[in-house]
C-alpha atoms as a PDB file:
ATOM      1  CA  MET A   1      -8.473  16.360 -13.176  1.00  0.00           C
ATOM      2  CA  GLY A   2      -7.290  19.953 -13.059  1.00  0.00           C
ATOM      3  CA  LEU A   3      -5.690  21.944 -10.306  1.00  0.00           C
ATOM      4  CA  VAL A   4      -7.284  21.298  -6.916  1.00  0.00           C
ATOM      5  CA  CYS A   5      -7.085  24.349  -4.672  1.00  0.00           C
ATOM      6  CA  GLU A   6      -9.212  23.065  -1.823  1.00  0.00           C
ATOM      7  CA  GLU A   7      -7.774  21.170   1.113  1.00  0.00           C
ATOM      8  CA  LYS A   8      -9.123  17.760   2.054  1.00  0.00           C
ATOM      9  CA  ILE A   9      -9.044  16.239   5.521  1.00  0.00           C
ATOM     10  CA  LYS A  10     -10.552  12.912   6.491  1.00  0.00           C
ATOM     11  CA  SER A  11     -10.076  10.091   8.943  1.00  0.00           C
ATOM     12  CA  TRP A  12      -8.592   6.998   7.333  1.00  0.00           C
ATOM     13  CA  GLU A  13     -11.041   4.925   9.364  1.00  0.00           C
ATOM     14  CA  SER A  14     -13.971   6.707   7.702  1.00  0.00           C
ATOM     15  CA  VAL A  15     -12.985   5.199   4.335  1.00  0.00           C
ATOM     16  CA  GLU A  16     -14.472   1.800   3.500  1.00  0.00           C
ATOM     17  CA  ALA A  17     -12.010  -1.096   3.678  1.00  0.00           C
ATOM     18  CA  LYS A  18     -12.340  -3.373   0.648  1.00  0.00           C
ATOM     19  CA  GLU A  19     -10.977  -6.879   0.335  1.00  0.00           C
ATOM     20  CA  VAL A  20      -8.116  -7.175  -2.117  1.00  0.00           C
ATOM     21  CA  PRO A  21      -9.145  -9.843  -4.686  1.00  0.00           C
ATOM     22  CA  SER A  22      -8.004 -13.378  -3.824  1.00  0.00           C
ATOM     23  CA  ASP A  23      -5.976 -13.673  -7.029  1.00  0.00           C
ATOM     24  CA  LYS A  24      -3.794 -10.781  -5.782  1.00  0.00           C
ATOM     25  CA  ALA A  25      -3.585 -11.274  -2.009  1.00  0.00           C
ATOM     26  CA  THR A  26      -4.794 -13.162   1.058  1.00  0.00           C
ATOM     27  CA  LYS A  27      -6.174 -11.639   4.279  1.00  0.00           C
ATOM     28  CA  THR A  28      -5.686  -8.119   2.898  1.00  0.00           C
ATOM     29  CA  THR A  29      -7.850  -4.988   2.713  1.00  0.00           C
ATOM     30  CA  ILE A  30      -7.292  -1.636   1.010  1.00  0.00           C
ATOM     31  CA  ARG A  31      -8.677   1.829   1.744  1.00  0.00           C
ATOM     32  CA  TRP A  32      -8.337   4.491  -0.956  1.00  0.00           C
ATOM     33  CA  ILE A  33      -7.804   7.520   1.308  1.00  0.00           C
ATOM     34  CA  PHE A  34      -7.328   9.880  -1.635  1.00  0.00           C
ATOM     35  CA  GLY A  35      -7.998   8.325  -5.027  1.00  0.00           C
ATOM     36  CA  PRO A  36      -9.119   9.135  -8.551  1.00  0.00           C
ATOM     37  CA  ASN A  37     -11.463  12.123  -8.864  1.00  0.00           C
ATOM     38  CA  GLU A  38     -10.288  13.467  -5.485  1.00  0.00           C
ATOM     39  CA  VAL A  39      -6.701  14.642  -5.968  1.00  0.00           C
ATOM     40  CA  PRO A  40      -4.700  15.426  -9.115  1.00  0.00           C
ATOM     41  CA  ASN A  41      -1.257  13.807  -8.865  1.00  0.00           C
ATOM     42  CA  PHE A  42      -0.752  11.145  -6.184  1.00  0.00           C
ATOM     43  CA  TYR A  43      -3.062   8.591  -4.593  1.00  0.00           C
ATOM     44  CA  MET A  44      -2.909   7.542  -0.955  1.00  0.00           C
ATOM     45  CA  ARG A  45      -3.948   4.083   0.187  1.00  0.00           C
ATOM     46  CA  VAL A  46      -3.844   2.182   3.470  1.00  0.00           C
ATOM     47  CA  PHE A  47      -3.392  -1.580   3.336  1.00  0.00           C
ATOM     48  CA  GLU A  48      -4.064  -3.925   6.237  1.00  0.00           C
ATOM     49  CA  VAL A  49      -2.726  -7.477   6.123  1.00  0.00           C
ATOM     50  CA  GLU A  50      -3.740  -9.944   8.808  1.00  0.00           C
ATOM     51  CA  PRO A  51      -1.105 -12.260  10.356  1.00  0.00           C
ATOM     52  CA  GLY A  52       0.063 -14.769   7.745  1.00  0.00           C
ATOM     53  CA  GLY A  53      -1.564 -12.786   4.938  1.00  0.00           C
ATOM     54  CA  GLU A  54       0.336 -11.786   1.843  1.00  0.00           C
ATOM     55  CA  ILE A  55       0.236  -9.695  -1.302  1.00  0.00           C
ATOM     56  CA  PHE A  56       1.446 -11.855  -4.158  1.00  0.00           C
ATOM     57  CA  GLU A  57       4.450 -10.935  -6.274  1.00  0.00           C
ATOM     58  CA  HIS A  58       3.630  -8.431  -8.992  1.00  0.00           C
ATOM     59  CA  SER A  59       5.116  -5.489 -10.870  1.00  0.00           C
ATOM     60  CA  HIS A  60       3.892  -2.402 -12.681  1.00  0.00           C
ATOM     61  CA  PRO A  61       5.443   0.544 -14.528  1.00  0.00           C
ATOM     62  CA  TRP A  62       5.090   3.069 -11.684  1.00  0.00           C
ATOM     63  CA  GLU A  63       6.986   3.628  -8.456  1.00  0.00           C
ATOM     64  CA  HIS A  64       5.448   3.675  -5.037  1.00  0.00           C
ATOM     65  CA  GLU A  65       6.428   4.649  -1.550  1.00  0.00           C
ATOM     66  CA  ILE A  66       5.462   2.673   1.536  1.00  0.00           C
ATOM     67  CA  PHE A  67       5.427   3.710   5.196  1.00  0.00           C
ATOM     68  CA  VAL A  68       4.812   1.006   7.808  1.00  0.00           C
ATOM     69  CA  LEU A  69       2.324   2.279  10.387  1.00  0.00           C
ATOM     70  CA  LYS A  70       1.957  -0.901  12.444  1.00  0.00           C
ATOM     71  CA  GLY A  71       3.327  -4.443  12.534  1.00  0.00           C
ATOM     72  CA  GLU A  72       6.134  -6.169  10.696  1.00  0.00           C
ATOM     73  CA  ALA A  73       6.546  -7.701   7.277  1.00  0.00           C
ATOM     74  CA  LEU A  74       8.814  -9.528   4.928  1.00  0.00           C
ATOM     75  CA  ILE A  75       9.066  -7.570   1.689  1.00  0.00           C
ATOM     76  CA  ARG A  76      10.780  -8.988  -1.376  1.00  0.00           C
ATOM     77  CA  ILE A  77      11.887  -6.562  -4.102  1.00  0.00           C
ATOM     78  CA  ASN A  78      13.467  -8.042  -7.242  1.00  0.00           C
ATOM     79  CA  GLY A  79      14.374 -11.201  -5.322  1.00  0.00           C
ATOM     80  CA  LYS A  80      15.998  -9.451  -2.338  1.00  0.00           C
ATOM     81  CA  GLU A  81      14.234  -9.869   1.019  1.00  0.00           C
ATOM     82  CA  TYR A  82      13.874  -7.233   3.726  1.00  0.00           C
ATOM     83  CA  LYS A  83      12.285  -7.392   7.165  1.00  0.00           C
ATOM     84  CA  VAL A  84      10.475  -4.141   7.877  1.00  0.00           C
ATOM     85  CA  LYS A  85       8.579  -2.842  10.880  1.00  0.00           C
ATOM     86  CA  GLU A  86       6.625   0.118  12.216  1.00  0.00           C
ATOM     87  CA  GLY A  87       8.341   3.369  11.268  1.00  0.00           C
ATOM     88  CA  ASP A  88      10.197   2.013   8.227  1.00  0.00           C
ATOM     89  CA  ALA A  89       9.889   3.669   4.811  1.00  0.00           C
ATOM     90  CA  ILE A  90      10.347   1.744   1.557  1.00  0.00           C
ATOM     91  CA  TYR A  91      10.795   2.963  -2.017  1.00  0.00           C
ATOM     92  CA  ILE A  92       9.799   0.477  -4.723  1.00  0.00           C
ATOM     93  CA  PRO A  93      11.135   1.499  -8.153  1.00  0.00           C
ATOM     94  CA  PRO A  94       9.055   1.211 -11.333  1.00  0.00           C
ATOM     95  CA  CYS A  95       8.935  -2.254 -12.956  1.00  0.00           C
ATOM     96  CA  SER A  96      10.281  -3.980  -9.812  1.00  0.00           C
ATOM     97  CA  LYS A  97       8.818  -7.335  -8.826  1.00  0.00           C
ATOM     98  CA  HIS A  98       7.621  -7.036  -5.233  1.00  0.00           C
ATOM     99  CA  TYR A  99       5.864  -9.142  -2.595  1.00  0.00           C
ATOM    100  CA  TYR A 100       4.655  -8.578   0.980  1.00  0.00           C
ATOM    101  CA  LYS A 101       3.937 -10.986   3.848  1.00  0.00           C
ATOM    102  CA  ASN A 102       2.818 -10.207   7.384  1.00  0.00           C
ATOM    103  CA  ILE A 103       5.296 -12.097   9.570  1.00  0.00           C
ATOM    104  CA  GLY A 104       4.068 -10.673  12.872  1.00  0.00           C
ATOM    105  CA  ASN A 105       1.342 -11.529  15.358  1.00  0.00           C
ATOM    106  CA  GLU A 106      -0.689  -8.366  14.764  1.00  0.00           C
ATOM    107  CA  THR A 107      -2.256  -6.676  11.766  1.00  0.00           C
ATOM    108  CA  LEU A 108       0.277  -5.129   9.396  1.00  0.00           C
ATOM    109  CA  ARG A 109      -0.835  -1.640   8.368  1.00  0.00           C
ATOM    110  CA  PHE A 110       1.008   0.454   5.807  1.00  0.00           C
ATOM    111  CA  LEU A 111       0.512   3.614   3.841  1.00  0.00           C
ATOM    112  CA  CYS A 112       1.155   3.318   0.098  1.00  0.00           C
ATOM    113  CA  LEU A 113       1.523   6.315  -2.213  1.00  0.00           C
ATOM    114  CA  ILE A 114       1.348   5.944  -5.989  1.00  0.00           C
ATOM    115  CA  PRO A 115       1.245   8.400  -8.895  1.00  0.00           C
ATOM    116  CA  LYS A 116      -2.035   8.833 -10.731  1.00  0.00           C
ATOM    117  CA  GLU A 117      -0.690   6.577 -13.501  1.00  0.00           C
ATOM    118  CA  GLY A 118      -0.906   3.771 -10.950  1.00  0.00           C
ATOM    119  CA  LYS A 119      -4.680   3.536 -10.926  1.00  0.00           C
END
């Protein structure tokens, strides 16, 4: 995709929530707010994890940045555990093993930004 010189504005709720496959997560949906064929460099996604749900440990060769919009979670990065909550920002380096679990009583919602190589 070449240079995009046109702004894009949309409501995150207008984007279809899709279940994350059961071999990758439980009780989790993803919305591709800005994805492939829409923007040239970074993709924006919103994940929602129901109480007790988790995203299984995985790694990949790209970084990503997380911003917690709602709820609280246990995040494990390369074996180290962190409790995070609404308003927290997390940087996950490339090739790091990482895992998420909703440890709260409400839906965990977070924004996740990845480079285009991440799709």
